[in-house]
Protein backbone atom coordinates (compact mmCIF):
# COMPACT_ATOMS: atom_id res chain seq x y z
CA MET A 1 -45.79 -200.41 14.78
CA THR A 2 -49.24 -200.61 17.03
CA ASN A 3 -49.41 -196.96 17.09
CA LEU A 4 -49.46 -196.50 13.11
CA SER A 5 -52.64 -195.22 11.53
CA PHE A 6 -53.41 -196.49 7.90
CA LYS A 7 -56.03 -197.53 5.64
CA ARG A 8 -56.45 -201.43 5.08
CA HIS A 9 -57.09 -201.48 1.42
CA ARG A 10 -56.09 -204.98 1.10
CA ARG A 11 -59.24 -206.20 2.94
CA LEU A 12 -61.21 -206.09 -0.33
CA ARG A 13 -58.62 -208.15 -1.96
CA HIS A 14 -58.46 -211.01 0.38
CA THR A 15 -60.02 -213.70 -1.63
CA ALA A 16 -61.01 -213.87 -5.28
CA ALA A 17 -64.54 -213.74 -4.13
CA MET A 18 -64.25 -210.52 -2.22
CA ARG A 19 -62.27 -209.04 -5.43
CA ALA A 20 -65.22 -210.19 -7.80
CA LEU A 21 -67.65 -209.05 -5.45
CA VAL A 22 -66.19 -205.50 -5.46
CA LYS A 23 -64.77 -205.54 -9.29
CA GLU A 24 -65.93 -202.25 -10.86
CA THR A 25 -65.53 -202.76 -14.54
CA HIS A 26 -66.79 -205.93 -16.40
CA LEU A 27 -66.20 -206.97 -20.25
CA HIS A 28 -69.06 -209.03 -21.77
CA VAL A 29 -69.14 -210.20 -25.26
CA GLU A 30 -71.87 -207.94 -26.08
CA ASP A 31 -69.52 -205.19 -25.74
CA PHE A 32 -67.57 -206.41 -28.98
CA ILE A 33 -68.13 -205.61 -32.67
CA TYR A 34 -65.96 -207.88 -34.79
CA PRO A 35 -64.22 -206.35 -37.99
CA ILE A 36 -64.38 -208.74 -41.06
CA PHE A 37 -62.74 -208.13 -44.51
CA VAL A 38 -64.64 -209.42 -47.36
CA ALA A 39 -63.28 -209.52 -51.06
CA GLU A 40 -64.66 -210.10 -54.47
CA GLY A 41 -64.23 -213.79 -55.69
CA THR A 42 -64.80 -217.09 -54.54
CA GLY A 43 -63.03 -219.84 -52.28
CA ILE A 44 -60.82 -216.96 -50.61
CA LYS A 45 -59.32 -216.99 -47.26
CA ASN A 46 -56.15 -214.84 -47.39
CA PRO A 47 -54.50 -214.72 -44.28
CA ILE A 48 -53.09 -211.32 -43.33
CA ASN A 49 -49.57 -211.67 -42.31
CA SER A 50 -49.38 -208.83 -39.98
CA MET A 51 -52.61 -209.87 -38.26
CA PRO A 52 -52.16 -213.34 -37.35
CA GLY A 53 -55.67 -214.89 -37.04
CA ILE A 54 -57.29 -212.23 -39.34
CA TYR A 55 -58.39 -212.97 -43.02
CA GLN A 56 -59.71 -211.77 -46.01
CA PHE A 57 -62.93 -213.71 -47.06
CA SER A 58 -65.02 -214.10 -50.06
CA LEU A 59 -68.60 -214.40 -49.80
CA ASP A 60 -68.80 -218.13 -49.50
CA THR A 61 -65.97 -218.46 -47.00
CA PHE A 62 -67.41 -215.51 -45.30
CA GLU A 63 -70.45 -217.20 -44.09
CA GLN A 64 -68.38 -219.73 -42.02
CA GLU A 65 -66.49 -216.69 -40.26
CA LEU A 66 -69.96 -215.34 -39.44
CA LYS A 67 -71.31 -218.46 -37.96
CA GLU A 68 -68.19 -218.64 -35.83
CA ALA A 69 -68.66 -215.00 -34.55
CA VAL A 70 -72.62 -215.50 -34.14
CA ASP A 71 -71.88 -218.98 -32.21
CA LEU A 72 -69.54 -217.36 -29.75
CA GLY A 73 -72.41 -214.74 -28.87
CA ILE A 74 -71.03 -211.85 -30.95
CA GLN A 75 -74.15 -209.53 -31.58
CA ALA A 76 -72.21 -207.15 -34.10
CA VAL A 77 -69.83 -206.94 -36.96
CA ILE A 78 -68.15 -204.28 -38.99
CA LEU A 79 -67.69 -204.76 -42.75
CA PHE A 80 -64.70 -203.79 -44.84
CA GLY A 81 -64.64 -204.46 -48.60
CA LEU A 82 -62.06 -205.17 -50.91
CA PRO A 83 -63.52 -204.62 -54.73
CA ALA A 84 -62.45 -206.32 -57.70
CA GLU A 85 -61.65 -202.89 -59.23
CA LYS A 86 -61.22 -199.40 -58.20
CA ASP A 87 -61.33 -195.95 -59.76
CA ALA A 88 -61.04 -192.20 -59.19
CA GLU A 89 -64.34 -191.77 -57.24
CA GLY A 90 -64.42 -195.54 -55.54
CA THR A 91 -67.93 -196.27 -57.07
CA GLY A 92 -67.52 -199.85 -55.67
CA ALA A 93 -68.48 -198.25 -52.62
CA PHE A 94 -71.67 -196.74 -53.52
CA HIS A 95 -72.94 -199.54 -56.20
CA ASP A 96 -75.84 -201.66 -55.44
CA HIS A 97 -73.78 -204.68 -56.26
CA GLY A 98 -70.59 -203.42 -54.24
CA ILE A 99 -68.72 -206.04 -52.38
CA ILE A 100 -70.12 -204.64 -48.80
CA GLN A 101 -73.66 -204.28 -50.22
CA LYS A 102 -73.53 -207.97 -51.02
CA ALA A 103 -71.98 -209.26 -47.76
CA THR A 104 -74.45 -207.15 -45.91
CA ARG A 105 -77.44 -208.65 -47.79
CA ARG A 106 -75.93 -212.17 -46.84
CA ALA A 107 -75.10 -211.70 -43.53
CA LYS A 108 -78.89 -210.48 -42.96
CA GLU A 109 -80.39 -213.49 -44.65
CA LEU A 110 -78.29 -215.77 -42.74
CA TYR A 111 -78.45 -214.08 -39.52
CA PRO A 112 -81.34 -211.56 -39.05
CA HIS A 113 -80.72 -210.69 -35.37
CA LEU A 114 -76.80 -209.97 -36.10
CA LEU A 115 -76.14 -206.20 -35.99
CA VAL A 116 -74.10 -205.30 -39.26
CA VAL A 117 -72.23 -201.99 -39.37
CA ALA A 118 -70.88 -200.90 -42.62
CA ASP A 119 -68.10 -198.73 -42.56
CA THR A 120 -68.68 -195.89 -44.82
CA CYS A 121 -65.46 -194.84 -46.70
CA LEU A 122 -63.68 -194.64 -50.02
CA CYS A 123 -60.41 -195.31 -49.66
CA GLU A 124 -60.94 -199.13 -50.32
CA TYR A 125 -62.33 -198.15 -53.32
CA THR A 126 -60.35 -195.60 -54.88
CA ASP A 127 -57.27 -195.80 -57.09
CA HIS A 128 -55.60 -193.30 -55.27
CA GLY A 129 -56.48 -194.69 -51.87
CA HIS A 130 -57.88 -191.48 -50.22
CA CYS A 131 -60.98 -191.22 -48.42
CA GLY A 132 -62.40 -188.29 -50.88
CA VAL A 133 -62.36 -186.72 -54.27
CA VAL A 134 -58.69 -185.95 -55.54
CA GLU A 135 -57.63 -182.93 -57.46
CA GLY A 136 -54.10 -182.65 -57.86
CA ASP A 137 -52.47 -183.31 -54.87
CA GLN A 138 -55.48 -182.03 -52.90
CA ILE A 139 -58.40 -183.91 -51.26
CA LEU A 140 -61.58 -181.96 -51.73
CA ASN A 141 -63.84 -181.99 -48.94
CA ASP A 142 -67.41 -180.94 -50.06
CA PRO A 143 -67.40 -182.85 -53.59
CA SER A 144 -66.33 -185.88 -51.20
CA LEU A 145 -69.67 -185.53 -49.24
CA ASP A 146 -71.90 -186.47 -51.99
CA LEU A 147 -70.34 -189.75 -52.58
CA LEU A 148 -70.03 -190.76 -49.06
CA ALA A 149 -73.76 -189.94 -48.60
CA ARG A 150 -74.73 -192.23 -51.74
CA THR A 151 -72.43 -194.72 -50.32
CA ALA A 152 -74.42 -194.61 -46.95
CA VAL A 153 -77.66 -195.02 -48.75
CA ALA A 154 -76.50 -198.20 -50.84
CA GLN A 155 -75.41 -199.49 -47.41
CA ALA A 156 -78.81 -198.88 -46.16
CA LYS A 157 -80.71 -200.09 -48.68
CA ALA A 158 -78.62 -203.46 -48.63
CA GLY A 159 -79.85 -203.86 -45.07
CA ALA A 160 -76.93 -202.11 -42.85
CA ASP A 161 -78.12 -201.80 -39.41
CA ILE A 162 -75.77 -198.86 -38.48
CA ILE A 163 -73.88 -196.54 -40.82
CA ALA A 164 -70.31 -195.74 -39.78
CA PRO A 165 -68.71 -193.02 -41.62
CA SER A 166 -64.80 -193.19 -41.17
CA ASN A 167 -63.64 -190.68 -43.76
CA MET A 168 -63.14 -187.46 -41.54
CA MET A 169 -64.26 -184.95 -44.11
CA ASP A 170 -65.96 -181.80 -42.31
CA GLY A 171 -69.65 -182.09 -42.32
CA PHE A 172 -69.58 -185.79 -43.14
CA VAL A 173 -72.33 -186.83 -40.55
CA VAL A 174 -74.99 -183.93 -41.66
CA ALA A 175 -74.45 -185.04 -45.19
CA ILE A 176 -75.16 -188.96 -44.38
CA ARG A 177 -77.84 -187.98 -41.94
CA HIS A 178 -79.95 -185.84 -44.67
CA ALA A 179 -79.23 -188.50 -47.16
CA LEU A 180 -80.35 -191.27 -45.07
CA ASP A 181 -83.58 -189.26 -44.06
CA GLU A 182 -84.20 -188.45 -47.38
CA ALA A 183 -84.23 -192.02 -48.66
CA GLY A 184 -86.54 -193.12 -46.09
CA TYR A 185 -83.75 -194.50 -43.44
CA ALA A 186 -84.49 -192.00 -40.64
CA HIS A 187 -84.35 -194.91 -38.18
CA LEU A 188 -80.68 -195.71 -39.00
CA PRO A 189 -78.19 -194.69 -36.65
CA ILE A 190 -74.79 -192.91 -37.59
CA MET A 191 -71.72 -194.59 -35.62
CA SER A 192 -69.30 -191.73 -36.71
CA TYR A 193 -65.43 -191.91 -36.43
CA ALA A 194 -65.51 -188.59 -34.50
CA VAL A 195 -62.25 -188.59 -33.32
CA LYS A 196 -59.75 -190.40 -35.72
CA TYR A 197 -56.36 -189.58 -35.40
CA ALA A 198 -53.51 -189.75 -38.23
CA SER A 199 -51.82 -192.60 -36.23
CA SER A 200 -49.10 -194.75 -36.98
CA TYR A 201 -51.22 -197.73 -35.72
CA TYR A 202 -53.30 -198.25 -38.91
CA GLY A 203 -50.27 -200.07 -40.76
CA PRO A 204 -51.36 -203.67 -40.72
CA PHE A 205 -54.81 -202.56 -41.70
CA ARG A 206 -53.83 -201.20 -45.03
CA GLU A 207 -52.52 -204.37 -45.89
CA ALA A 208 -55.71 -205.94 -44.87
CA ALA A 209 -58.06 -203.61 -46.67
CA ASP A 210 -55.49 -202.62 -49.38
CA GLY A 211 -56.33 -199.14 -48.55
CA ALA A 212 -52.85 -197.41 -48.33
CA PRO A 213 -52.80 -193.93 -50.04
CA LYS A 214 -50.81 -193.86 -53.14
CA PHE A 215 -49.22 -190.50 -52.53
CA GLY A 216 -49.13 -188.17 -49.61
CA ASP A 217 -50.61 -189.22 -46.29
CA ARG A 218 -53.90 -188.29 -44.47
CA LYS A 219 -52.87 -185.46 -42.19
CA THR A 220 -55.04 -183.05 -44.01
CA TYR A 221 -58.10 -184.68 -42.76
CA GLN A 222 -57.13 -187.13 -39.94
CA MET A 223 -56.42 -185.55 -36.55
CA ASP A 224 -52.88 -184.73 -35.08
CA PRO A 225 -52.18 -187.17 -32.22
CA ALA A 226 -50.81 -184.28 -30.28
CA ASN A 227 -54.13 -182.76 -29.97
CA ARG A 228 -56.73 -183.10 -27.08
CA GLN A 229 -58.91 -179.92 -27.57
CA GLU A 230 -59.12 -180.58 -31.34
CA ALA A 231 -61.12 -183.99 -30.11
CA PHE A 232 -63.63 -182.02 -28.20
CA ARG A 233 -64.67 -179.73 -31.22
CA GLU A 234 -64.59 -182.62 -33.99
CA ALA A 235 -66.90 -184.79 -31.43
CA GLN A 236 -69.35 -181.63 -30.73
CA SER A 237 -69.87 -181.13 -34.39
CA ASP A 238 -70.67 -184.88 -35.14
CA VAL A 239 -73.03 -184.81 -32.14
CA ASP A 240 -74.60 -181.33 -33.53
CA GLU A 241 -75.09 -182.92 -36.94
CA GLY A 242 -76.72 -186.19 -35.64
CA ALA A 243 -74.37 -188.85 -34.60
CA ASP A 244 -75.65 -191.46 -32.45
CA PHE A 245 -72.36 -193.06 -31.63
CA LEU A 246 -69.12 -191.59 -31.19
CA ILE A 247 -65.86 -193.81 -32.09
CA VAL A 248 -62.55 -192.82 -30.90
CA LYS A 249 -59.72 -194.17 -33.22
CA PRO A 250 -57.01 -195.42 -32.17
CA ALA A 251 -57.82 -196.55 -28.41
CA LEU A 252 -54.69 -197.56 -26.74
CA ALA A 253 -52.82 -194.69 -26.85
CA TYR A 254 -55.94 -192.52 -26.59
CA LEU A 255 -57.48 -193.60 -23.53
CA ASP A 256 -57.70 -190.12 -22.00
CA ILE A 257 -59.54 -189.23 -25.06
CA ILE A 258 -61.90 -191.76 -24.47
CA ARG A 259 -62.51 -190.84 -20.99
CA ASP A 260 -63.10 -187.25 -22.13
CA MET A 261 -65.41 -188.37 -24.52
CA LYS A 262 -67.52 -190.01 -21.77
CA ASN A 263 -67.44 -187.34 -19.67
CA THR A 264 -68.61 -184.93 -22.43
CA HIS A 265 -71.06 -186.65 -24.22
CA PRO A 266 -74.22 -188.98 -23.27
CA LEU A 267 -74.07 -190.92 -26.20
CA PRO A 268 -72.56 -194.67 -26.55
CA ILE A 269 -68.77 -194.33 -26.83
CA VAL A 270 -66.84 -196.87 -29.14
CA ALA A 271 -63.00 -197.38 -28.87
CA TYR A 272 -61.48 -199.02 -32.02
CA ASN A 273 -58.62 -201.17 -31.08
CA VAL A 274 -57.02 -200.77 -34.14
CA SER A 275 -54.72 -203.24 -36.11
CA GLY A 276 -51.46 -202.03 -35.02
CA GLU A 277 -52.51 -202.51 -31.37
CA TYR A 278 -53.75 -206.31 -32.26
CA ALA A 279 -50.41 -207.06 -34.30
CA MET A 280 -48.06 -206.00 -31.22
CA VAL A 281 -49.97 -208.28 -28.89
CA LYS A 282 -49.98 -211.05 -31.45
CA ALA A 283 -46.27 -210.82 -31.99
CA ALA A 284 -45.29 -210.36 -28.40
CA ALA A 285 -47.51 -213.50 -27.88
CA GLN A 286 -45.76 -215.60 -30.41
CA ASN A 287 -42.48 -215.02 -29.18
CA GLY A 288 -43.55 -215.84 -25.70
CA TRP A 289 -42.95 -212.57 -24.21
CA VAL A 290 -46.44 -211.98 -23.08
CA ASP A 291 -49.25 -214.02 -22.08
CA GLU A 292 -52.02 -213.37 -24.83
CA LYS A 293 -55.06 -214.08 -22.99
CA SER A 294 -54.01 -211.95 -19.80
CA VAL A 295 -52.64 -209.10 -22.09
CA VAL A 296 -55.58 -209.08 -24.17
CA LEU A 297 -58.47 -209.14 -21.64
CA GLU A 298 -56.53 -206.58 -19.63
CA THR A 299 -56.20 -204.27 -22.64
CA LEU A 300 -59.72 -204.42 -23.33
CA LEU A 301 -60.62 -203.76 -19.82
CA GLY A 302 -58.83 -200.70 -19.82
CA MET A 303 -60.69 -199.31 -22.92
CA LYS A 304 -63.92 -200.36 -21.10
CA ARG A 305 -62.83 -198.78 -17.69
CA ALA A 306 -61.71 -195.45 -19.52
CA GLY A 307 -65.40 -194.82 -20.81
CA SER A 308 -65.90 -197.27 -23.84
CA ASP A 309 -69.38 -198.65 -24.10
CA LEU A 310 -68.62 -200.76 -26.86
CA ILE A 311 -65.02 -201.74 -28.54
CA ILE A 312 -64.37 -202.61 -32.13
CA THR A 313 -61.54 -205.01 -31.78
CA TYR A 314 -60.13 -208.18 -34.08
CA HIS A 315 -59.48 -209.92 -30.85
CA ALA A 316 -63.34 -210.37 -30.28
CA LYS A 317 -63.63 -214.00 -31.17
CA ASP A 318 -60.65 -214.97 -28.90
CA ALA A 319 -61.94 -212.66 -26.02
CA ALA A 320 -65.46 -214.25 -26.34
CA ARG A 321 -64.12 -217.65 -25.88
CA TRP A 322 -62.20 -216.53 -22.95
CA LEU A 323 -65.04 -214.96 -21.06
CA LYS A 324 -66.80 -218.09 -21.49
CA GLY A 325 -64.18 -220.00 -19.95
CA GLU A 326 -62.84 -221.86 -22.76
């Protein structure tokens, strides 16, 4: 065997200290954006059965959840609202007294330094569950843009630091950018759900946000999971229209798309570690099939290694504790 010639890659894995020295990708609590569901009412902390550890909060119980996140060093949250009433236009999304506007104001009063990302969509607020204006069985693109723009401005007035439109209507970024600029919010960035697939991984979220469509599906405006080239077109349009961040959603089955976006666009890339991805790990861990801590941190590390600069994740609080050694 003395005449063999080969590379000795194991030299850099020999000890824990050596492995730490040459580690290429690192997770930090600052990478995480924590999603929180806020409902109208008081004294509410409703568990979401398909997402163990995640709850719907009323404004009073929301305060404790914010405190936990802030105490763990989480620097950003993204808010999703559950209104008391719904209608065809989703007016609860853009009223000044809408639940997200109230939650945003409260969050900024309590923690001015905390970055509040406002999810800008209509599906939680419409009685039909779609992300835009409905006529018959069609989701109308251009009439939806006005409602989305009004929603973004209402969220900005409430104090949101980042507007995150998730509706996937054509032209939604430029419509929102124009409305924000006209209203005096040219300084606010847009975190666009630029590459959002019509995915089966969203199931638990629709329970959490009570936002499932009442008819049909969202395949006429969200992307086909089979398509890669389409992602380049969608993202480029959003960049041209003024997006400041690009979200890829879901993340786990779309790591190739995250890498494509990172290689193509010099903007922060955001992976959305969605509800179905979270639920699968939780279910496996509860059954003793996987070690939850190891699998979660490896999954998040993979998203970071694929090219994401930030990760929207329901694991944020647990991951923050684990990274602190708790």
